[in-house]
PDB file of N, CA and C in Angstrom:
ATOM      1  N   MET A   1     142.165 -32.929  31.288  1.00  0.00           N
ATOM      2  CA  MET A   1     143.019 -34.030  31.510  1.00  0.00           C
ATOM      3  C   MET A   1     142.205 -35.305  31.732  1.00  0.00           C
ATOM      4  N   PRO A   2     142.508 -36.383  31.095  1.00  0.00           N
ATOM      5  CA  PRO A   2     141.653 -37.619  31.196  1.00  0.00           C
ATOM      6  C   PRO A   2     141.866 -38.223  32.629  1.00  0.00           C
ATOM      7  N   GLN A   3     140.905 -38.938  33.097  1.00  0.00           N
ATOM      8  CA  GLN A   3     140.960 -39.624  34.356  1.00  0.00           C
ATOM      9  C   GLN A   3     141.864 -40.893  34.121  1.00  0.00           C
ATOM     10  N   LEU A   4     142.846 -40.973  35.014  1.00  0.00           N
ATOM     11  CA  LEU A   4     143.813 -42.159  34.938  1.00  0.00           C
ATOM     12  C   LEU A   4     143.562 -43.087  36.078  1.00  0.00           C
ATOM     13  N   THR A   5     143.960 -44.342  35.923  1.00  0.00           N
ATOM     14  CA  THR A   5     143.876 -45.357  36.922  1.00  0.00           C
ATOM     15  C   THR A   5     145.276 -45.703  37.335  1.00  0.00           C
ATOM     16  N   TRP A   6     145.596 -45.534  38.587  1.00  0.00           N
ATOM     17  CA  TRP A   6     146.911 -45.735  39.148  1.00  0.00           C
ATOM     18  C   TRP A   6     146.881 -46.989  40.089  1.00  0.00           C
ATOM     19  N   LEU A   7     147.980 -47.782  40.014  1.00  0.00           N
ATOM     20  CA  LEU A   7     148.234 -48.930  40.917  1.00  0.00           C
ATOM     21  C   LEU A   7     149.449 -48.486  41.711  1.00  0.00           C
ATOM     22  N   ILE A   8     149.326 -48.271  43.057  1.00  0.00           N
ATOM     23  CA  ILE A   8     150.401 -47.823  43.875  1.00  0.00           C
ATOM     24  C   ILE A   8     150.656 -48.832  44.950  1.00  0.00           C
ATOM     25  N   THR A   9     151.921 -49.252  45.085  1.00  0.00           N
ATOM     26  CA  THR A   9     152.281 -50.122  46.159  1.00  0.00           C
ATOM     27  C   THR A   9     152.792 -49.316  47.358  1.00  0.00           C
ATOM     28  N   GLY A  10     152.773 -49.868  48.569  1.00  0.00           N
ATOM     29  CA  GLY A  10     153.241 -49.209  49.715  1.00  0.00           C
ATOM     30  C   GLY A  10     152.523 -48.001  50.140  1.00  0.00           C
ATOM     31  N   CYS A  11     151.198 -48.136  50.306  1.00  0.00           N
ATOM     32  CA  CYS A  11     150.289 -46.982  50.630  1.00  0.00           C
ATOM     33  C   CYS A  11     149.961 -46.775  52.094  1.00  0.00           C
ATOM     34  N   SER A  12     150.583 -47.563  52.954  1.00  0.00           N
ATOM     35  CA  SER A  12     150.116 -47.523  54.366  1.00  0.00           C
ATOM     36  C   SER A  12     150.649 -46.289  55.104  1.00  0.00           C
ATOM     37  N   SER A  13     151.700 -45.640  54.482  1.00  0.00           N
ATOM     38  CA  SER A  13     152.163 -44.359  55.178  1.00  0.00           C
ATOM     39  C   SER A  13     152.987 -43.598  54.155  1.00  0.00           C
ATOM     40  N   GLY A  14     153.439 -42.434  54.603  1.00  0.00           N
ATOM     41  CA  GLY A  14     154.379 -41.630  53.835  1.00  0.00           C
ATOM     42  C   GLY A  14     154.000 -41.201  52.484  1.00  0.00           C
ATOM     43  N   PHE A  15     154.900 -41.353  51.501  1.00  0.00           N
ATOM     44  CA  PHE A  15     154.676 -40.918  50.122  1.00  0.00           C
ATOM     45  C   PHE A  15     153.442 -41.611  49.462  1.00  0.00           C
ATOM     46  N   GLY A  16     153.414 -42.924  49.696  1.00  0.00           N
ATOM     47  CA  GLY A  16     152.286 -43.712  49.065  1.00  0.00           C
ATOM     48  C   GLY A  16     150.927 -43.252  49.526  1.00  0.00           C
ATOM     49  N   GLU A  17     150.738 -43.021  50.817  1.00  0.00           N
ATOM     50  CA  GLU A  17     149.518 -42.550  51.366  1.00  0.00           C
ATOM     51  C   GLU A  17     149.151 -41.161  50.881  1.00  0.00           C
ATOM     52  N   ALA A  18     150.171 -40.311  50.874  1.00  0.00           N
ATOM     53  CA  ALA A  18     149.971 -38.869  50.394  1.00  0.00           C
ATOM     54  C   ALA A  18     149.651 -38.866  48.919  1.00  0.00           C
ATOM     55  N   LEU A  19     150.254 -39.719  48.102  1.00  0.00           N
ATOM     56  CA  LEU A  19     149.966 -39.762  46.662  1.00  0.00           C
ATOM     57  C   LEU A  19     148.520 -40.230  46.397  1.00  0.00           C
ATOM     58  N   VAL A  20     148.072 -41.229  47.149  1.00  0.00           N
ATOM     59  CA  VAL A  20     146.682 -41.708  46.999  1.00  0.00           C
ATOM     60  C   VAL A  20     145.735 -40.601  47.266  1.00  0.00           C
ATOM     61  N   SER A  21     145.953 -39.837  48.371  1.00  0.00           N
ATOM     62  CA  SER A  21     145.023 -38.745  48.751  1.00  0.00           C
ATOM     63  C   SER A  21     145.036 -37.652  47.620  1.00  0.00           C
ATOM     64  N   SER A  22     146.181 -37.328  47.148  1.00  0.00           N
ATOM     65  CA  SER A  22     146.313 -36.254  46.161  1.00  0.00           C
ATOM     66  C   SER A  22     145.635 -36.659  44.878  1.00  0.00           C
ATOM     67  N   LEU A  23     145.865 -37.905  44.409  1.00  0.00           N
ATOM     68  CA  LEU A  23     145.253 -38.338  43.184  1.00  0.00           C
ATOM     69  C   LEU A  23     143.729 -38.487  43.319  1.00  0.00           C
ATOM     70  N   ASN A  24     143.268 -38.971  44.437  1.00  0.00           N
ATOM     71  CA  ASN A  24     141.834 -39.066  44.701  1.00  0.00           C
ATOM     72  C   ASN A  24     141.200 -37.658  44.610  1.00  0.00           C
ATOM     73  N   SER A  25     141.843 -36.693  45.220  1.00  0.00           N
ATOM     74  CA  SER A  25     141.268 -35.347  45.248  1.00  0.00           C
ATOM     75  C   SER A  25     141.206 -34.720  43.865  1.00  0.00           C
ATOM     76  N   ARG A  26     142.044 -35.127  42.972  1.00  0.00           N
ATOM     77  CA  ARG A  26     141.928 -34.551  41.626  1.00  0.00           C
ATOM     78  C   ARG A  26     141.069 -35.387  40.631  1.00  0.00           C
ATOM     79  N   GLY A  27     140.514 -36.468  41.193  1.00  0.00           N
ATOM     80  CA  GLY A  27     139.560 -37.307  40.431  1.00  0.00           C
ATOM     81  C   GLY A  27     140.023 -38.491  39.754  1.00  0.00           C
ATOM     82  N   ASP A  28     141.302 -38.854  39.940  1.00  0.00           N
ATOM     83  CA  ASP A  28     141.811 -40.045  39.299  1.00  0.00           C
ATOM     84  C   ASP A  28     141.341 -41.278  40.147  1.00  0.00           C
ATOM     85  N   ARG A  29     141.410 -42.406  39.487  1.00  0.00           N
ATOM     86  CA  ARG A  29     141.067 -43.702  40.179  1.00  0.00           C
ATOM     87  C   ARG A  29     142.434 -44.301  40.681  1.00  0.00           C
ATOM     88  N   VAL A  30     142.340 -44.951  41.842  1.00  0.00           N
ATOM     89  CA  VAL A  30     143.546 -45.500  42.474  1.00  0.00           C
ATOM     90  C   VAL A  30     143.239 -46.851  43.104  1.00  0.00           C
ATOM     91  N   ILE A  31     144.224 -47.747  42.784  1.00  0.00           N
ATOM     92  CA  ILE A  31     144.255 -49.021  43.398  1.00  0.00           C
ATOM     93  C   ILE A  31     145.416 -48.963  44.359  1.00  0.00           C
ATOM     94  N   ALA A  32     145.077 -48.809  45.678  1.00  0.00           N
ATOM     95  CA  ALA A  32     146.101 -48.658  46.709  1.00  0.00           C
ATOM     96  C   ALA A  32     146.403 -50.022  47.403  1.00  0.00           C
ATOM     97  N   THR A  33     147.743 -50.368  47.535  1.00  0.00           N
ATOM     98  CA  THR A  33     148.033 -51.636  48.065  1.00  0.00           C
ATOM     99  C   THR A  33     148.984 -51.427  49.291  1.00  0.00           C
ATOM    100  N   ALA A  34     148.940 -52.495  50.153  1.00  0.00           N
ATOM    101  CA  ALA A  34     149.822 -52.537  51.317  1.00  0.00           C
ATOM    102  C   ALA A  34     149.890 -53.993  51.747  1.00  0.00           C
ATOM    103  N   ARG A  35     150.892 -54.330  52.566  1.00  0.00           N
ATOM    104  CA  ARG A  35     150.982 -55.700  53.059  1.00  0.00           C
ATOM    105  C   ARG A  35     149.852 -56.054  54.014  1.00  0.00           C
ATOM    106  N   ASN A  36     149.323 -55.088  54.725  1.00  0.00           N
ATOM    107  CA  ASN A  36     148.259 -55.305  55.649  1.00  0.00           C
ATOM    108  C   ASN A  36     147.045 -54.435  55.243  1.00  0.00           C
ATOM    109  N   LEU A  37     145.960 -55.040  54.846  1.00  0.00           N
ATOM    110  CA  LEU A  37     144.819 -54.264  54.364  1.00  0.00           C
ATOM    111  C   LEU A  37     144.273 -53.271  55.333  1.00  0.00           C
ATOM    112  N   GLU A  38     144.337 -53.703  56.647  1.00  0.00           N
ATOM    113  CA  GLU A  38     143.769 -52.818  57.672  1.00  0.00           C
ATOM    114  C   GLU A  38     144.459 -51.455  57.711  1.00  0.00           C
ATOM    115  N   ASP A  39     145.753 -51.439  57.254  1.00  0.00           N
ATOM    116  CA  ASP A  39     146.490 -50.209  57.284  1.00  0.00           C
ATOM    117  C   ASP A  39     146.074 -49.147  56.275  1.00  0.00           C
ATOM    118  N   ILE A  40     145.302 -49.597  55.230  1.00  0.00           N
ATOM    119  CA  ILE A  40     144.838 -48.665  54.153  1.00  0.00           C
ATOM    120  C   ILE A  40     143.383 -48.613  54.008  1.00  0.00           C
ATOM    121  N   GLU A  41     142.605 -49.226  54.897  1.00  0.00           N
ATOM    122  CA  GLU A  41     141.181 -49.154  54.804  1.00  0.00           C
ATOM    123  C   GLU A  41     140.624 -47.729  54.854  1.00  0.00           C
ATOM    124  N   HIS A  42     141.294 -46.845  55.534  1.00  0.00           N
ATOM    125  CA  HIS A  42     140.811 -45.428  55.653  1.00  0.00           C
ATOM    126  C   HIS A  42     140.958 -44.711  54.349  1.00  0.00           C
ATOM    127  N   LEU A  43     141.703 -45.266  53.392  1.00  0.00           N
ATOM    128  CA  LEU A  43     141.875 -44.616  52.091  1.00  0.00           C
ATOM    129  C   LEU A  43     140.712 -44.865  51.106  1.00  0.00           C
ATOM    130  N   LYS A  44     139.948 -45.976  51.426  1.00  0.00           N
ATOM    131  CA  LYS A  44     138.838 -46.373  50.532  1.00  0.00           C
ATOM    132  C   LYS A  44     137.830 -45.288  50.219  1.00  0.00           C
ATOM    133  N   SER A  45     137.456 -45.171  49.005  1.00  0.00           N
ATOM    134  CA  SER A  45     136.397 -44.176  48.612  1.00  0.00           C
ATOM    135  C   SER A  45     135.822 -44.716  47.230  1.00  0.00           C
ATOM    136  N   GLY A  46     134.989 -43.906  46.631  1.00  0.00           N
ATOM    137  CA  GLY A  46     134.509 -44.223  45.340  1.00  0.00           C
ATOM    138  C   GLY A  46     135.536 -44.462  44.227  1.00  0.00           C
ATOM    139  N   ASN A  47     136.626 -43.609  44.338  1.00  0.00           N
ATOM    140  CA  ASN A  47     137.719 -43.680  43.373  1.00  0.00           C
ATOM    141  C   ASN A  47     138.903 -44.475  43.858  1.00  0.00           C
ATOM    142  N   VAL A  48     138.864 -44.945  45.053  1.00  0.00           N
ATOM    143  CA  VAL A  48     140.060 -45.647  45.647  1.00  0.00           C
ATOM    144  C   VAL A  48     139.672 -47.056  46.072  1.00  0.00           C
ATOM    145  N   HIS A  49     140.314 -48.044  45.487  1.00  0.00           N
ATOM    146  CA  HIS A  49     140.086 -49.437  45.782  1.00  0.00           C
ATOM    147  C   HIS A  49     141.307 -49.973  46.492  1.00  0.00           C
ATOM    148  N   THR A  50     141.176 -50.763  47.526  1.00  0.00           N
ATOM    149  CA  THR A  50     142.317 -51.290  48.272  1.00  0.00           C
ATOM    150  C   THR A  50     142.466 -52.792  48.083  1.00  0.00           C
ATOM    151  N   ILE A  51     143.769 -53.195  48.016  1.00  0.00           N
ATOM    152  CA  ILE A  51     144.117 -54.619  47.790  1.00  0.00           C
ATOM    153  C   ILE A  51     145.312 -54.906  48.681  1.00  0.00           C
ATOM    154  N   GLU A  52     145.261 -56.057  49.329  1.00  0.00           N
ATOM    155  CA  GLU A  52     146.458 -56.568  50.118  1.00  0.00           C
ATOM    156  C   GLU A  52     147.518 -57.044  49.126  1.00  0.00           C
ATOM    157  N   LEU A  53     148.698 -56.553  49.250  1.00  0.00           N
ATOM    158  CA  LEU A  53     149.725 -56.988  48.346  1.00  0.00           C
ATOM    159  C   LEU A  53     151.115 -56.865  49.024  1.00  0.00           C
ATOM    160  N   ASP A  54     151.858 -57.932  49.073  1.00  0.00           N
ATOM    161  CA  ASP A  54     153.270 -57.914  49.519  1.00  0.00           C
ATOM    162  C   ASP A  54     154.101 -58.081  48.298  1.00  0.00           C
ATOM    163  N   VAL A  55     154.946 -57.151  47.918  1.00  0.00           N
ATOM    164  CA  VAL A  55     155.671 -57.277  46.633  1.00  0.00           C
ATOM    165  C   VAL A  55     156.710 -58.332  46.722  1.00  0.00           C
ATOM    166  N   THR A  56     156.943 -58.924  47.867  1.00  0.00           N
ATOM    167  CA  THR A  56     157.956 -60.075  48.037  1.00  0.00           C
ATOM    168  C   THR A  56     157.275 -61.430  47.928  1.00  0.00           C
ATOM    169  N   SER A  57     155.970 -61.445  47.607  1.00  0.00           N
ATOM    170  CA  SER A  57     155.222 -62.622  47.486  1.00  0.00           C
ATOM    171  C   SER A  57     155.594 -63.399  46.235  1.00  0.00           C
ATOM    172  N   PRO A  58     155.257 -64.751  46.173  1.00  0.00           N
ATOM    173  CA  PRO A  58     155.489 -65.480  44.956  1.00  0.00           C
ATOM    174  C   PRO A  58     154.707 -64.900  43.742  1.00  0.00           C
ATOM    175  N   GLN A  59     155.214 -65.171  42.546  1.00  0.00           N
ATOM    176  CA  GLN A  59     154.689 -64.563  41.385  1.00  0.00           C
ATOM    177  C   GLN A  59     153.183 -64.865  41.195  1.00  0.00           C
ATOM    178  N   SER A  60     152.783 -66.076  41.602  1.00  0.00           N
ATOM    179  CA  SER A  60     151.307 -66.470  41.430  1.00  0.00           C
ATOM    180  C   SER A  60     150.458 -65.485  42.263  1.00  0.00           C
ATOM    181  N   GLU A  61     150.910 -65.145  43.450  1.00  0.00           N
ATOM    182  CA  GLU A  61     150.103 -64.220  44.290  1.00  0.00           C
ATOM    183  C   GLU A  61     150.142 -62.847  43.699  1.00  0.00           C
ATOM    184  N   LEU A  62     151.247 -62.434  43.121  1.00  0.00           N
ATOM    185  CA  LEU A  62     151.322 -61.087  42.471  1.00  0.00           C
ATOM    186  C   LEU A  62     150.365 -61.024  41.250  1.00  0.00           C
ATOM    187  N   ASP A  63     150.358 -62.094  40.480  1.00  0.00           N
ATOM    188  CA  ASP A  63     149.450 -62.154  39.359  1.00  0.00           C
ATOM    189  C   ASP A  63     147.997 -62.040  39.779  1.00  0.00           C
ATOM    190  N   GLN A  64     147.604 -62.727  40.906  1.00  0.00           N
ATOM    191  CA  GLN A  64     146.258 -62.629  41.447  1.00  0.00           C
ATOM    192  C   GLN A  64     145.929 -61.190  41.844  1.00  0.00           C
ATOM    193  N   ALA A  65     146.847 -60.494  42.459  1.00  0.00           N
ATOM    194  CA  ALA A  65     146.624 -59.149  42.899  1.00  0.00           C
ATOM    195  C   ALA A  65     146.454 -58.218  41.732  1.00  0.00           C
ATOM    196  N   VAL A  66     147.179 -58.414  40.650  1.00  0.00           N
ATOM    197  CA  VAL A  66     147.062 -57.568  39.471  1.00  0.00           C
ATOM    198  C   VAL A  66     145.713 -57.860  38.808  1.00  0.00           C
ATOM    199  N   SER A  67     145.270 -59.088  38.782  1.00  0.00           N
ATOM    200  CA  SER A  67     143.972 -59.465  38.243  1.00  0.00           C
ATOM    201  C   SER A  67     142.798 -58.748  38.987  1.00  0.00           C
ATOM    202  N   LYS A  68     142.986 -58.708  40.336  1.00  0.00           N
ATOM    203  CA  LYS A  68     142.017 -58.011  41.211  1.00  0.00           C
ATOM    204  C   LYS A  68     142.016 -56.483  40.866  1.00  0.00           C
ATOM    205  N   ALA A  69     143.188 -55.988  40.645  1.00  0.00           N
ATOM    206  CA  ALA A  69     143.351 -54.526  40.433  1.00  0.00           C
ATOM    207  C   ALA A  69     142.751 -54.198  39.047  1.00  0.00           C
ATOM    208  N   GLN A  70     142.985 -54.992  38.057  1.00  0.00           N
ATOM    209  CA  GLN A  70     142.379 -54.742  36.768  1.00  0.00           C
ATOM    210  C   GLN A  70     140.882 -54.794  36.811  1.00  0.00           C
ATOM    211  N   ALA A  71     140.416 -55.777  37.589  1.00  0.00           N
ATOM    212  CA  ALA A  71     138.930 -55.958  37.753  1.00  0.00           C
ATOM    213  C   ALA A  71     138.255 -54.761  38.392  1.00  0.00           C
ATOM    214  N   ALA A  72     138.971 -54.059  39.274  1.00  0.00           N
ATOM    215  CA  ALA A  72     138.393 -52.966  40.035  1.00  0.00           C
ATOM    216  C   ALA A  72     137.944 -51.806  39.075  1.00  0.00           C
ATOM    217  N   PHE A  73     138.751 -51.454  38.149  1.00  0.00           N
ATOM    218  CA  PHE A  73     138.516 -50.286  37.260  1.00  0.00           C
ATOM    219  C   PHE A  73     138.675 -50.608  35.770  1.00  0.00           C
ATOM    220  N   GLY A  74     138.933 -51.887  35.410  1.00  0.00           N
ATOM    221  CA  GLY A  74     139.020 -52.251  34.061  1.00  0.00           C
ATOM    222  C   GLY A  74     140.475 -52.213  33.373  1.00  0.00           C
ATOM    223  N   SER A  75     141.265 -51.292  33.905  1.00  0.00           N
ATOM    224  CA  SER A  75     142.618 -51.185  33.330  1.00  0.00           C
ATOM    225  C   SER A  75     143.487 -50.443  34.282  1.00  0.00           C
ATOM    226  N   ILE A  76     144.760 -50.459  34.032  1.00  0.00           N
ATOM    227  CA  ILE A  76     145.769 -49.718  34.899  1.00  0.00           C
ATOM    228  C   ILE A  76     146.577 -48.839  33.928  1.00  0.00           C
ATOM    229  N   ASP A  77     146.609 -47.569  34.154  1.00  0.00           N
ATOM    230  CA  ASP A  77     147.374 -46.682  33.321  1.00  0.00           C
ATOM    231  C   ASP A  77     148.764 -46.378  33.842  1.00  0.00           C
ATOM    232  N   VAL A  78     148.888 -46.292  35.163  1.00  0.00           N
ATOM    233  CA  VAL A  78     150.137 -45.916  35.706  1.00  0.00           C
ATOM    234  C   VAL A  78     150.476 -46.854  36.926  1.00  0.00           C
ATOM    235  N   LEU A  79     151.718 -47.301  37.037  1.00  0.00           N
ATOM    236  CA  LEU A  79     152.171 -48.111  38.149  1.00  0.00           C
ATOM    237  C   LEU A  79     153.281 -47.333  38.926  1.00  0.00           C
ATOM    238  N   VAL A  80     153.024 -47.227  40.226  1.00  0.00           N
ATOM    239  CA  VAL A  80     154.020 -46.614  41.087  1.00  0.00           C
ATOM    240  C   VAL A  80     154.448 -47.607  42.085  1.00  0.00           C
ATOM    241  N   ASN A  81     155.716 -48.136  41.888  1.00  0.00           N
ATOM    242  CA  ASN A  81     156.220 -49.122  42.835  1.00  0.00           C
ATOM    243  C   ASN A  81     156.895 -48.467  43.992  1.00  0.00           C
ATOM    244  N   ASN A  82     156.116 -48.173  45.047  1.00  0.00           N
ATOM    245  CA  ASN A  82     156.588 -47.375  46.158  1.00  0.00           C
ATOM    246  C   ASN A  82     156.942 -48.211  47.369  1.00  0.00           C
ATOM    247  N   ALA A  83     156.751 -49.448  47.343  1.00  0.00           N
ATOM    248  CA  ALA A  83     156.957 -50.399  48.474  1.00  0.00           C
ATOM    249  C   ALA A  83     158.479 -50.405  48.833  1.00  0.00           C
ATOM    250  N   ALA A  84     158.742 -50.235  50.081  1.00  0.00           N
ATOM    251  CA  ALA A  84     160.091 -50.194  50.549  1.00  0.00           C
ATOM    252  C   ALA A  84     160.279 -50.652  51.978  1.00  0.00           C
ATOM    253  N   TYR A  85     161.520 -50.918  52.326  1.00  0.00           N
ATOM    254  CA  TYR A  85     161.894 -51.223  53.668  1.00  0.00           C
ATOM    255  C   TYR A  85     163.057 -50.360  53.957  1.00  0.00           C
ATOM    256  N   ILE A  86     163.017 -49.525  54.992  1.00  0.00           N
ATOM    257  CA  ILE A  86     164.093 -48.600  55.351  1.00  0.00           C
ATOM    258  C   ILE A  86     164.730 -49.089  56.572  1.00  0.00           C
ATOM    259  N   LEU A  87     166.028 -49.271  56.515  1.00  0.00           N
ATOM    260  CA  LEU A  87     166.856 -49.592  57.633  1.00  0.00           C
ATOM    261  C   LEU A  87     168.029 -48.636  57.643  1.00  0.00           C
ATOM    262  N   GLY A  88     168.091 -47.685  58.578  1.00  0.00           N
ATOM    263  CA  GLY A  88     169.086 -46.645  58.548  1.00  0.00           C
ATOM    264  C   GLY A  88     170.204 -46.908  59.584  1.00  0.00           C
ATOM    265  N   GLY A  89     171.392 -46.475  59.203  1.00  0.00           N
ATOM    266  CA  GLY A  89     172.477 -46.543  60.142  1.00  0.00           C
ATOM    267  C   GLY A  89     173.762 -47.003  59.416  1.00  0.00           C
ATOM    268  N   PRO A  90     174.909 -46.981  60.083  1.00  0.00           N
ATOM    269  CA  PRO A  90     176.117 -47.473  59.458  1.00  0.00           C
ATOM    270  C   PRO A  90     175.994 -48.945  59.276  1.00  0.00           C
ATOM    271  N   LEU A  91     176.600 -49.407  58.121  1.00  0.00           N
ATOM    272  CA  LEU A  91     176.516 -50.852  57.771  1.00  0.00           C
ATOM    273  C   LEU A  91     176.989 -51.743  58.917  1.00  0.00           C
ATOM    274  N   GLU A  92     178.045 -51.305  59.603  1.00  0.00           N
ATOM    275  CA  GLU A  92     178.657 -52.150  60.651  1.00  0.00           C
ATOM    276  C   GLU A  92     177.576 -52.397  61.768  1.00  0.00           C
ATOM    277  N   GLN A  93     176.659 -51.467  61.964  1.00  0.00           N
ATOM    278  CA  GLN A  93     175.656 -51.605  63.067  1.00  0.00           C
ATOM    279  C   GLN A  93     174.329 -52.261  62.605  1.00  0.00           C
ATOM    280  N   VAL A  94     173.980 -52.178  61.383  1.00  0.00           N
ATOM    281  CA  VAL A  94     172.729 -52.692  60.872  1.00  0.00           C
ATOM    282  C   VAL A  94     172.787 -53.947  60.100  1.00  0.00           C
ATOM    283  N   ARG A  95     173.926 -54.476  59.666  1.00  0.00           N
ATOM    284  CA  ARG A  95     174.024 -55.630  58.773  1.00  0.00           C
ATOM    285  C   ARG A  95     173.403 -56.885  59.395  1.00  0.00           C
ATOM    286  N   TYR A  96     173.390 -56.990  60.692  1.00  0.00           N
ATOM    287  CA  TYR A  96     172.801 -58.150  61.352  1.00  0.00           C
ATOM    288  C   TYR A  96     171.334 -58.023  61.613  1.00  0.00           C
ATOM    289  N   ARG A  97     170.804 -56.856  61.338  1.00  0.00           N
ATOM    290  CA  ARG A  97     169.320 -56.619  61.534  1.00  0.00           C
ATOM    291  C   ARG A  97     168.562 -56.663  60.211  1.00  0.00           C
ATOM    292  N   LEU A  98     169.211 -57.004  59.112  1.00  0.00           N
ATOM    293  CA  LEU A  98     168.551 -57.040  57.847  1.00  0.00           C
ATOM    294  C   LEU A  98     167.513 -58.153  57.838  1.00  0.00           C
ATOM    295  N   PRO A  99     166.308 -57.920  57.261  1.00  0.00           N
ATOM    296  CA  PRO A  99     165.322 -58.943  57.102  1.00  0.00           C
ATOM    297  C   PRO A  99     165.787 -60.113  56.166  1.00  0.00           C
ATOM    298  N   ASN A 100     165.187 -61.211  56.250  1.00  0.00           N
ATOM    299  CA  ASN A 100     165.551 -62.339  55.470  1.00  0.00           C
ATOM    300  C   ASN A 100     165.397 -62.178  53.934  1.00  0.00           C
ATOM    301  N   TYR A 101     164.468 -61.267  53.510  1.00  0.00           N
ATOM    302  CA  TYR A 101     164.167 -61.129  52.075  1.00  0.00           C
ATOM    303  C   TYR A 101     165.023 -60.082  51.470  1.00  0.00           C
ATOM    304  N   VAL A 102     165.949 -59.423  52.179  1.00  0.00           N
ATOM    305  CA  VAL A 102     166.816 -58.438  51.553  1.00  0.00           C
ATOM    306  C   VAL A 102     168.048 -59.092  51.101  1.00  0.00           C
TER     307      VAL A 102
END
């Protein structure tokens, strides 16, 4: 199987972090992103490059992050948009706690 380059958003915990580790162990290259770079520094390795990225940023900042990602390994083969915000509970109880960008 050929080595693929993955760009994954939301890698600071959960599924994103687990996917980065799994792909790294099989030899694929990964560009791991998170809103706070400190949260994903532990994922860095020869095949894992980290970039700070907030998917709610203006388009110009997103374009800069993609340029950095392409420069890291030359191309991107797979994109996993895993970034999310979870707010659980009945609507009547949580509707006033929604962040401004939702």
